[in-house]
C-alpha cells in the first residue's frame, strides 16, 4: 500500500465530488485515472488504505446514482466494478447493499444492458 496512492485517491475523490456537485458532464479524466489503479487483475495488494478506498467507493456510488450524464454513470460503475474485484483479490469486503437496492428497482427498461451487467457482476 502506498501513501502516494492514498494522497492521489483522496485528491481524486475530492475532485470527483466537486464535479458531481457542479453538475459536470465530463468526469472521464478524473474517474479514468482512478480506474487505472484498480484495473490490473494481477495486483493482489491493496493500492490504498481501507478508509481511502471506502471514501472513493461511496463517492463513485454517488456519481452512479446522481449524475445525469450516462458517460459519468457508466465510468463510475465500471470503476466500481474494478475496485470491487481488486478488493476481492485482496480479501477486503465492500458494502454492496446500495447496489443491490438499486438493482432490485432497475431493469432493461430503466437502465442500459452494459450498466446492468456491471452491477450484476458484483452482486450475483
Protein backbone atom coordinates (compact mmCIF):
# COMPACT_ATOMS: atom_id res chain seq x y z
CA UNK A 1 0.00 0.00 0.00
CA UNK A 2 1.33 3.39 -0.92
CA UNK A 3 0.92 6.71 0.84
CA UNK A 4 1.31 8.23 -2.63
CA UNK A 5 -1.78 6.30 -3.77
CA UNK A 6 -3.71 7.38 -0.67
CA UNK A 7 -2.95 11.03 -1.36
CA UNK A 8 -3.76 10.66 -5.07
CA UNK A 9 -7.06 8.86 -4.42
CA UNK A 10 -8.13 11.34 -1.73
CA UNK A 11 -7.47 14.22 -4.14
CA UNK A 12 -9.38 12.47 -6.92
CA UNK A 13 -12.24 11.75 -4.54
CA UNK A 14 -12.48 15.47 -3.75
CA UNK A 15 -12.25 16.33 -7.45
CA UNK A 16 -15.00 13.86 -8.38
CA UNK A 17 -17.24 15.09 -5.56
CA UNK A 18 -16.77 18.68 -6.68
CA UNK A 19 -17.51 17.76 -10.30
CA UNK A 20 -20.69 15.97 -9.26
CA UNK A 21 -21.84 18.94 -7.18
CA UNK A 22 -21.11 21.29 -10.09
CA UNK A 23 -23.09 19.07 -12.47
CA UNK A 24 -20.03 18.44 -14.63
CA UNK A 25 -20.96 16.24 -17.56
CA UNK A 26 -17.40 15.05 -18.23
CA UNK A 27 -15.62 13.26 -15.39
CA UNK A 28 -13.78 10.87 -17.70
CA UNK A 29 -10.26 12.03 -16.78
CA UNK A 30 -10.91 12.04 -13.05
CA UNK A 31 -12.64 8.69 -12.91
CA UNK A 32 -10.37 7.13 -15.53
CA UNK A 33 -7.22 7.94 -13.59
CA UNK A 34 -8.71 6.19 -10.57
CA UNK A 35 -9.78 3.22 -12.68
CA UNK A 36 -6.19 2.67 -13.82
CA UNK A 37 -5.01 1.92 -10.27
CA UNK A 38 -7.53 -0.88 -9.76
CA UNK A 39 -7.78 -2.48 -13.18
CA UNK A 40 -4.85 -4.92 -13.05
CA UNK A 41 -6.03 -8.47 -12.29
CA UNK A 42 -2.52 -9.33 -11.09
CA UNK A 43 -2.26 -6.82 -8.25
CA UNK A 44 -3.04 -8.71 -5.04
CA UNK A 45 -2.21 -6.00 -2.50
CA UNK A 46 -4.48 -3.09 -1.66
CA UNK A 47 -3.46 0.05 -3.51
CA UNK A 48 -4.55 2.30 -0.63
CA UNK A 49 -5.78 2.09 2.94
CA UNK A 50 -9.31 0.95 3.77
CA UNK A 51 -10.60 4.42 4.63
CA UNK A 52 -9.40 5.88 1.33
CA UNK A 53 -10.90 3.05 -0.72
CA UNK A 54 -14.22 3.25 1.12
CA UNK A 55 -14.39 7.03 0.64
CA UNK A 56 -13.75 6.59 -3.06
CA UNK A 57 -16.30 3.75 -3.22
CA UNK A 58 -19.10 5.89 -1.79
CA UNK A 59 -18.14 8.88 -3.94
CA UNK A 60 -18.35 6.79 -7.10
CA UNK A 61 -21.67 5.36 -5.92
CA UNK A 62 -22.90 8.97 -5.63
CA UNK A 63 -21.82 9.62 -9.22
CA UNK A 64 -23.55 6.45 -10.35
CA UNK A 65 -26.80 7.29 -8.55
CA UNK A 66 -26.89 11.07 -9.04
CA UNK A 67 -25.14 12.07 -12.25
CA UNK A 68 -27.38 12.96 -15.16
CA UNK A 69 -24.64 12.01 -17.64
CA UNK A 70 -24.74 8.43 -18.91
CA UNK A 71 -20.99 8.55 -19.57
CA UNK A 72 -20.26 9.56 -15.97
CA UNK A 73 -22.58 6.89 -14.65
CA UNK A 74 -21.02 4.20 -16.85
CA UNK A 75 -17.45 5.29 -15.97
CA UNK A 76 -18.39 5.24 -12.28
CA UNK A 77 -19.97 1.77 -12.33
CA UNK A 78 -17.19 0.22 -14.39
CA UNK A 79 -14.62 1.69 -11.99
CA UNK A 80 -16.65 0.47 -9.03
CA UNK A 81 -16.56 -2.98 -10.58
CA UNK A 82 -12.77 -2.87 -10.89
CA UNK A 83 -12.44 -1.63 -7.30
CA UNK A 84 -14.76 -4.39 -6.11
CA UNK A 85 -12.81 -7.16 -7.84
CA UNK A 86 -9.50 -5.67 -6.71
CA UNK A 87 -10.75 -5.75 -3.12
CA UNK A 88 -11.97 -9.34 -3.51
CA UNK A 89 -8.46 -10.36 -4.64
CA UNK A 90 -7.09 -8.59 -1.55
CA UNK A 91 -9.65 -10.13 0.87
CA UNK A 92 -11.39 -6.84 1.60
CA UNK A 93 -15.17 -6.64 1.60
CA UNK A 94 -17.12 -3.66 0.36
CA UNK A 95 -20.72 -2.81 1.14
CA UNK A 96 -22.93 -3.77 -1.81
CA UNK A 97 -26.29 -3.04 -0.18
CA UNK A 98 -26.92 0.18 -2.12
CA UNK A 99 -26.14 -1.55 -5.41
CA UNK A 100 -28.43 -4.45 -4.53
CA UNK A 101 -31.20 -1.99 -3.71
CA UNK A 102 -30.66 -0.11 -6.96
CA UNK A 103 -30.67 -3.34 -8.97
CA UNK A 104 -33.92 -4.54 -7.43
CA UNK A 105 -35.55 -1.33 -8.70
CA UNK A 106 -34.00 -1.31 -12.19
CA UNK A 107 -34.28 -3.47 -15.29
CA UNK A 108 -33.63 -3.39 -19.05
CA UNK A 109 -36.20 -0.64 -19.48
CA UNK A 110 -34.76 1.70 -16.86
CA UNK A 111 -31.05 1.22 -17.49
CA UNK A 112 -28.64 0.07 -20.18
CA UNK A 113 -27.57 -3.52 -20.61
CA UNK A 114 -23.92 -2.52 -20.02
CA UNK A 115 -24.67 -0.90 -16.68
CA UNK A 116 -26.86 -3.79 -15.57
CA UNK A 117 -24.08 -6.26 -16.47
CA UNK A 118 -21.55 -4.31 -14.36
CA UNK A 119 -23.89 -4.24 -11.38
CA UNK A 120 -24.84 -7.89 -11.77
CA UNK A 121 -21.20 -8.95 -11.94
CA UNK A 122 -20.70 -7.52 -8.46
CA UNK A 123 -23.89 -8.55 -6.70
CA UNK A 124 -24.51 -12.02 -8.11
